[in-house]
Amino acid sequence: MSNKRRHARLPLRLSAAIHLTDGSTYQGTTENTSFSGLLLKCKNPDILEKGDPCDVELLLDSKTTLKVRFECIVIRVEKNRIALQFSAHDDKDYFEHYKNLMLLNSPDPEAFLREINENKPSES
């Protein structure tokens, strides 16, 4: 099976909130994350369909309540999970925190740094 992913996935567990265009919010936990998207475990993922826009807010550090928000597109919906692709992020400084968190948890930080330079979401 070929792997179409641009970025390696890390099994990083972060609290997350999905904000839908109708104003509703759903809570979940990431199963894995990358620089281009994430897989989120949540209840009722069938509220979204492939191609739907949404925002996801990730809690990067529960001690400081540091969060980063990404505009996303739904790329897959499963029984208890939803795959999201980042399309933009809200703040350059917060993206730096996200990047540092990913690098600290990476088995190969140099490869992750190369990935950052190849493709990252645009700022909104």
N, C-alpha and C. Protein backbone atom coordinates (compact mmCIF):
# COMPACT_ATOMS: atom_id res chain seq x y z
N MET A 1 0.84 -1.18 0.00
CA MET A 1 0.00 0.00 0.00
C MET A 1 0.88 1.23 0.00
N SER A 2 0.59 2.19 -0.87
CA SER A 2 1.41 3.39 -0.93
C SER A 2 0.96 4.38 0.13
N ASN A 3 1.89 5.20 0.59
CA ASN A 3 1.62 6.20 1.60
C ASN A 3 1.64 7.57 0.94
N LYS A 4 0.48 8.23 0.88
CA LYS A 4 0.36 9.52 0.22
C LYS A 4 0.69 10.68 1.16
N ARG A 5 1.01 10.41 2.39
CA ARG A 5 1.23 11.46 3.37
C ARG A 5 2.49 12.25 3.06
N ARG A 6 2.36 13.57 3.21
CA ARG A 6 3.51 14.46 3.04
C ARG A 6 4.36 14.53 4.30
N HIS A 7 3.73 14.29 5.45
CA HIS A 7 4.41 14.43 6.73
C HIS A 7 4.23 13.18 7.59
N ALA A 8 5.25 12.87 8.35
CA ALA A 8 5.19 11.73 9.27
C ALA A 8 4.22 12.04 10.39
N ARG A 9 3.57 11.01 10.88
CA ARG A 9 2.62 11.13 11.98
C ARG A 9 3.29 10.79 13.29
N LEU A 10 2.91 11.54 14.34
CA LEU A 10 3.37 11.24 15.69
C LEU A 10 2.17 10.85 16.54
N PRO A 11 2.32 9.85 17.41
CA PRO A 11 1.20 9.44 18.27
C PRO A 11 1.05 10.41 19.45
N LEU A 12 0.84 11.66 19.15
CA LEU A 12 0.77 12.73 20.16
C LEU A 12 -0.69 12.92 20.59
N ARG A 13 -0.94 12.83 21.89
CA ARG A 13 -2.29 12.97 22.42
C ARG A 13 -2.50 14.40 22.93
N LEU A 14 -3.40 15.13 22.28
CA LEU A 14 -3.72 16.49 22.68
C LEU A 14 -5.23 16.64 22.78
N SER A 15 -5.69 17.41 23.74
CA SER A 15 -7.11 17.75 23.81
C SER A 15 -7.43 18.68 22.66
N ALA A 16 -8.61 18.49 22.08
CA ALA A 16 -8.98 19.28 20.90
C ALA A 16 -10.46 19.62 20.94
N ALA A 17 -10.78 20.74 20.31
CA ALA A 17 -12.17 21.14 20.11
C ALA A 17 -12.37 21.42 18.63
N ILE A 18 -13.42 20.82 18.06
CA ILE A 18 -13.78 21.08 16.66
C ILE A 18 -14.89 22.13 16.67
N HIS A 19 -14.67 23.21 15.95
CA HIS A 19 -15.66 24.28 15.84
C HIS A 19 -16.26 24.23 14.44
N LEU A 20 -17.57 24.01 14.38
CA LEU A 20 -18.25 23.89 13.10
C LEU A 20 -18.78 25.24 12.63
N THR A 21 -19.10 25.33 11.36
CA THR A 21 -19.56 26.59 10.78
C THR A 21 -20.91 27.03 11.35
N ASP A 22 -21.69 26.09 11.92
CA ASP A 22 -22.97 26.47 12.53
C ASP A 22 -22.82 26.97 13.96
N GLY A 23 -21.57 27.03 14.46
CA GLY A 23 -21.31 27.53 15.80
C GLY A 23 -21.20 26.45 16.87
N SER A 24 -21.53 25.22 16.54
CA SER A 24 -21.43 24.14 17.52
C SER A 24 -19.98 23.70 17.69
N THR A 25 -19.69 23.11 18.85
CA THR A 25 -18.34 22.67 19.19
C THR A 25 -18.39 21.23 19.71
N TYR A 26 -17.43 20.42 19.30
CA TYR A 26 -17.30 19.04 19.75
C TYR A 26 -15.90 18.82 20.29
N GLN A 27 -15.80 18.03 21.35
CA GLN A 27 -14.52 17.76 21.99
C GLN A 27 -13.96 16.43 21.52
N GLY A 28 -12.64 16.32 21.55
CA GLY A 28 -11.98 15.07 21.18
C GLY A 28 -10.54 15.06 21.64
N THR A 29 -9.83 14.01 21.27
CA THR A 29 -8.42 13.84 21.59
C THR A 29 -7.70 13.35 20.35
N THR A 30 -6.56 13.95 20.05
CA THR A 30 -5.82 13.52 18.88
C THR A 30 -5.26 12.12 19.10
N GLU A 31 -5.29 11.31 18.05
CA GLU A 31 -4.63 10.01 18.08
C GLU A 31 -3.24 10.12 17.48
N ASN A 32 -3.15 10.96 16.44
CA ASN A 32 -1.84 11.26 15.87
C ASN A 32 -1.91 12.62 15.21
N THR A 33 -0.75 13.23 15.08
CA THR A 33 -0.67 14.57 14.50
C THR A 33 0.52 14.65 13.57
N SER A 34 0.46 15.61 12.66
CA SER A 34 1.58 15.90 11.78
C SER A 34 1.55 17.39 11.50
N PHE A 35 2.42 17.85 10.63
CA PHE A 35 2.42 19.26 10.27
C PHE A 35 1.33 19.58 9.25
N SER A 36 0.67 18.57 8.70
CA SER A 36 -0.37 18.84 7.72
C SER A 36 -1.77 18.47 8.18
N GLY A 37 -1.88 17.77 9.31
CA GLY A 37 -3.20 17.38 9.77
C GLY A 37 -3.16 16.51 11.00
N LEU A 38 -4.31 15.92 11.30
CA LEU A 38 -4.40 15.08 12.50
C LEU A 38 -5.54 14.09 12.37
N LEU A 39 -5.48 13.08 13.22
CA LEU A 39 -6.56 12.12 13.37
C LEU A 39 -7.11 12.32 14.76
N LEU A 40 -8.41 12.59 14.85
CA LEU A 40 -9.04 12.96 16.10
C LEU A 40 -10.06 11.92 16.50
N LYS A 41 -9.95 11.44 17.73
CA LYS A 41 -10.95 10.53 18.28
C LYS A 41 -12.02 11.39 18.94
N CYS A 42 -13.29 11.16 18.54
CA CYS A 42 -14.38 11.96 19.09
C CYS A 42 -15.69 11.19 18.99
N LYS A 43 -16.67 11.64 19.76
CA LYS A 43 -18.00 11.07 19.66
C LYS A 43 -18.72 11.74 18.50
N ASN A 44 -19.57 10.99 17.83
CA ASN A 44 -20.41 11.51 16.75
C ASN A 44 -19.65 12.18 15.61
N PRO A 45 -18.60 11.57 15.08
CA PRO A 45 -17.89 12.21 13.97
C PRO A 45 -18.74 12.31 12.70
N ASP A 46 -19.85 11.56 12.67
CA ASP A 46 -20.69 11.56 11.48
C ASP A 46 -21.46 12.88 11.28
N ILE A 47 -21.27 13.83 12.19
CA ILE A 47 -21.85 15.16 11.99
C ILE A 47 -21.16 15.89 10.85
N LEU A 48 -19.97 15.41 10.48
CA LEU A 48 -19.20 16.01 9.39
C LEU A 48 -19.08 15.03 8.24
N GLU A 49 -18.86 15.60 7.06
CA GLU A 49 -18.65 14.79 5.86
C GLU A 49 -17.35 15.21 5.20
N LYS A 50 -16.81 14.31 4.41
CA LYS A 50 -15.59 14.62 3.67
C LYS A 50 -15.79 15.92 2.89
N GLY A 51 -14.79 16.82 3.02
CA GLY A 51 -14.83 18.10 2.33
C GLY A 51 -15.38 19.25 3.16
N ASP A 52 -16.01 18.93 4.29
CA ASP A 52 -16.57 19.99 5.15
C ASP A 52 -15.45 20.84 5.76
N PRO A 53 -15.66 22.16 5.85
CA PRO A 53 -14.70 23.01 6.56
C PRO A 53 -15.02 23.02 8.05
N CYS A 54 -14.00 23.21 8.86
CA CYS A 54 -14.18 23.37 10.30
C CYS A 54 -12.88 23.98 10.84
N ASP A 55 -12.91 24.34 12.10
CA ASP A 55 -11.71 24.78 12.80
C ASP A 55 -11.43 23.77 13.90
N VAL A 56 -10.16 23.53 14.17
CA VAL A 56 -9.81 22.69 15.31
C VAL A 56 -8.87 23.50 16.19
N GLU A 57 -9.13 23.45 17.48
CA GLU A 57 -8.32 24.15 18.47
C GLU A 57 -7.63 23.09 19.32
N LEU A 58 -6.31 23.12 19.34
CA LEU A 58 -5.53 22.14 20.08
C LEU A 58 -4.97 22.77 21.35
N LEU A 59 -5.13 22.08 22.47
CA LEU A 59 -4.55 22.52 23.73
C LEU A 59 -3.14 21.95 23.80
N LEU A 60 -2.14 22.80 23.64
CA LEU A 60 -0.75 22.35 23.56
C LEU A 60 -0.15 22.06 24.91
N ASP A 61 -0.59 22.75 25.95
CA ASP A 61 -0.01 22.59 27.28
C ASP A 61 -1.09 22.87 28.31
N SER A 62 -1.53 21.84 29.02
CA SER A 62 -2.63 22.01 29.97
C SER A 62 -2.25 22.90 31.15
N LYS A 63 -0.98 23.04 31.42
CA LYS A 63 -0.55 23.87 32.55
C LYS A 63 -0.64 25.36 32.22
N THR A 64 -0.46 25.73 30.96
CA THR A 64 -0.49 27.14 30.57
C THR A 64 -1.70 27.48 29.71
N THR A 65 -2.52 26.51 29.40
CA THR A 65 -3.67 26.65 28.50
C THR A 65 -3.27 27.23 27.14
N LEU A 66 -2.07 26.92 26.69
CA LEU A 66 -1.58 27.35 25.38
C LEU A 66 -2.32 26.57 24.29
N LYS A 67 -2.94 27.32 23.36
CA LYS A 67 -3.74 26.70 22.31
C LYS A 67 -3.30 27.23 20.95
N VAL A 68 -3.55 26.41 19.93
CA VAL A 68 -3.36 26.85 18.55
C VAL A 68 -4.61 26.42 17.78
N ARG A 69 -5.04 27.28 16.88
CA ARG A 69 -6.26 27.00 16.11
C ARG A 69 -5.91 26.91 14.63
N PHE A 70 -6.44 25.87 13.99
CA PHE A 70 -6.22 25.64 12.57
C PHE A 70 -7.55 25.61 11.84
N GLU A 71 -7.59 26.21 10.66
CA GLU A 71 -8.70 25.98 9.75
C GLU A 71 -8.42 24.64 9.10
N CYS A 72 -9.47 23.83 8.94
CA CYS A 72 -9.28 22.47 8.44
C CYS A 72 -10.33 22.10 7.40
N ILE A 73 -10.01 21.03 6.71
CA ILE A 73 -10.94 20.37 5.79
C ILE A 73 -11.02 18.91 6.24
N VAL A 74 -12.23 18.39 6.31
CA VAL A 74 -12.42 16.98 6.66
C VAL A 74 -11.97 16.14 5.47
N ILE A 75 -11.07 15.19 5.73
CA ILE A 75 -10.64 14.33 4.63
C ILE A 75 -11.14 12.89 4.78
N ARG A 76 -11.58 12.52 6.00
CA ARG A 76 -12.10 11.17 6.20
C ARG A 76 -12.90 11.14 7.50
N VAL A 77 -14.02 10.40 7.50
CA VAL A 77 -14.82 10.19 8.70
C VAL A 77 -14.92 8.69 8.93
N GLU A 78 -14.60 8.26 10.13
CA GLU A 78 -14.66 6.86 10.51
C GLU A 78 -15.64 6.71 11.67
N LYS A 79 -15.74 5.50 12.23
CA LYS A 79 -16.70 5.22 13.29
C LYS A 79 -16.58 6.18 14.48
N ASN A 80 -15.41 6.30 15.07
CA ASN A 80 -15.20 7.18 16.22
C ASN A 80 -14.05 8.15 16.00
N ARG A 81 -13.71 8.38 14.74
CA ARG A 81 -12.56 9.25 14.43
C ARG A 81 -12.84 10.08 13.20
N ILE A 82 -12.09 11.17 13.13
CA ILE A 82 -12.20 12.05 11.98
C ILE A 82 -10.79 12.51 11.60
N ALA A 83 -10.48 12.48 10.32
CA ALA A 83 -9.18 12.93 9.82
C ALA A 83 -9.35 14.34 9.26
N LEU A 84 -8.49 15.25 9.71
CA LEU A 84 -8.55 16.64 9.30
C LEU A 84 -7.24 17.07 8.67
N GLN A 85 -7.34 17.84 7.60
CA GLN A 85 -6.16 18.42 6.96
C GLN A 85 -6.14 19.90 7.27
N PHE A 86 -5.00 20.40 7.75
CA PHE A 86 -4.87 21.83 8.05
C PHE A 86 -4.86 22.62 6.75
N SER A 87 -5.57 23.74 6.73
CA SER A 87 -5.52 24.63 5.59
C SER A 87 -4.94 25.99 5.96
N ALA A 88 -5.02 26.38 7.24
CA ALA A 88 -4.44 27.64 7.72
C ALA A 88 -4.35 27.58 9.24
N HIS A 89 -3.50 28.41 9.81
CA HIS A 89 -3.41 28.50 11.27
C HIS A 89 -3.58 29.95 11.68
N ASP A 90 -3.87 30.16 12.97
CA ASP A 90 -4.28 31.49 13.41
C ASP A 90 -3.17 32.44 13.79
N ASP A 91 -1.99 31.93 14.07
CA ASP A 91 -0.97 32.82 14.61
C ASP A 91 0.41 32.19 14.45
N LYS A 92 1.35 32.96 13.93
CA LYS A 92 2.69 32.44 13.70
C LYS A 92 3.36 31.98 15.00
N ASP A 93 3.19 32.75 16.08
CA ASP A 93 3.82 32.38 17.35
C ASP A 93 3.29 31.05 17.87
N TYR A 94 1.97 30.85 17.76
CA TYR A 94 1.41 29.61 18.24
C TYR A 94 1.82 28.43 17.36
N PHE A 95 1.96 28.66 16.06
CA PHE A 95 2.44 27.59 15.19
C PHE A 95 3.84 27.19 15.61
N GLU A 96 4.65 28.14 16.03
CA GLU A 96 6.00 27.84 16.52
C GLU A 96 5.94 26.92 17.74
N HIS A 97 4.98 27.16 18.65
CA HIS A 97 4.81 26.28 19.81
C HIS A 97 4.42 24.88 19.36
N TYR A 98 3.52 24.81 18.40
CA TYR A 98 3.09 23.51 17.87
C TYR A 98 4.27 22.79 17.22
N LYS A 99 5.03 23.52 16.44
CA LYS A 99 6.22 22.95 15.78
C LYS A 99 7.19 22.41 16.83
N ASN A 100 7.45 23.19 17.88
CA ASN A 100 8.38 22.76 18.93
C ASN A 100 7.87 21.52 19.65
N LEU A 101 6.57 21.46 19.90
CA LEU A 101 5.98 20.28 20.54
C LEU A 101 6.18 19.05 19.66
N MET A 102 5.95 19.21 18.36
CA MET A 102 6.15 18.10 17.43
C MET A 102 7.61 17.66 17.39
N LEU A 103 8.51 18.63 17.35
CA LEU A 103 9.94 18.31 17.30
C LEU A 103 10.40 17.58 18.56
N LEU A 104 9.91 18.01 19.71
CA LEU A 104 10.28 17.36 20.98
C LEU A 104 9.81 15.92 21.05
N ASN A 105 8.74 15.62 20.35
CA ASN A 105 8.17 14.26 20.38
C ASN A 105 8.54 13.43 19.17
N SER A 106 9.36 13.97 18.30
CA SER A 106 9.73 13.28 17.08
C SER A 106 10.90 12.33 17.30
N PRO A 107 10.84 11.13 16.70
CA PRO A 107 11.99 10.24 16.76
C PRO A 107 13.12 10.70 15.83
N ASP A 108 12.80 11.59 14.88
CA ASP A 108 13.79 12.10 13.93
C ASP A 108 13.55 13.60 13.70
N PRO A 109 14.00 14.45 14.65
CA PRO A 109 13.75 15.89 14.54
C PRO A 109 14.28 16.52 13.24
N GLU A 110 15.41 16.05 12.73
CA GLU A 110 15.96 16.62 11.49
C GLU A 110 15.01 16.39 10.32
N ALA A 111 14.41 15.21 10.24
CA ALA A 111 13.46 14.93 9.16
C ALA A 111 12.22 15.82 9.30
N PHE A 112 11.78 16.05 10.53
CA PHE A 112 10.64 16.93 10.75
C PHE A 112 10.96 18.36 10.34
N LEU A 113 12.16 18.82 10.62
CA LEU A 113 12.54 20.18 10.21
C LEU A 113 12.52 20.31 8.69
N ARG A 114 12.96 19.27 7.99
CA ARG A 114 12.89 19.30 6.52
C ARG A 114 11.44 19.40 6.06
N GLU A 115 10.55 18.66 6.73
CA GLU A 115 9.14 18.69 6.37
C GLU A 115 8.54 20.08 6.55
N ILE A 116 8.94 20.77 7.59
CA ILE A 116 8.43 22.11 7.84
C ILE A 116 8.74 23.02 6.67
N ASN A 117 9.95 22.92 6.17
CA ASN A 117 10.36 23.79 5.08
C ASN A 117 9.66 23.46 3.76
N GLU A 118 9.21 22.21 3.61
CA GLU A 118 8.57 21.79 2.36
C GLU A 118 7.13 22.29 2.26
N ASN A 119 6.40 22.24 3.37
CA ASN A 119 4.97 22.58 3.28
C ASN A 119 4.40 22.78 4.66
N LYS A 120 3.87 23.96 4.92
CA LYS A 120 3.15 24.20 6.16
C LYS A 120 1.93 25.06 5.85
N PRO A 121 0.92 25.04 6.73
CA PRO A 121 -0.29 25.82 6.46
C PRO A 121 0.03 27.31 6.41
N SER A 122 -0.76 28.02 5.64
CA SER A 122 -0.59 29.47 5.58
C SER A 122 -1.25 30.11 6.78
N GLU A 123 -0.81 31.33 7.11
CA GLU A 123 -1.45 32.07 8.20
C GLU A 123 -2.74 32.66 7.68
N SER A 124 -3.77 32.64 8.53
CA SER A 124 -5.05 33.23 8.10
C SER A 124 -5.13 34.69 8.47
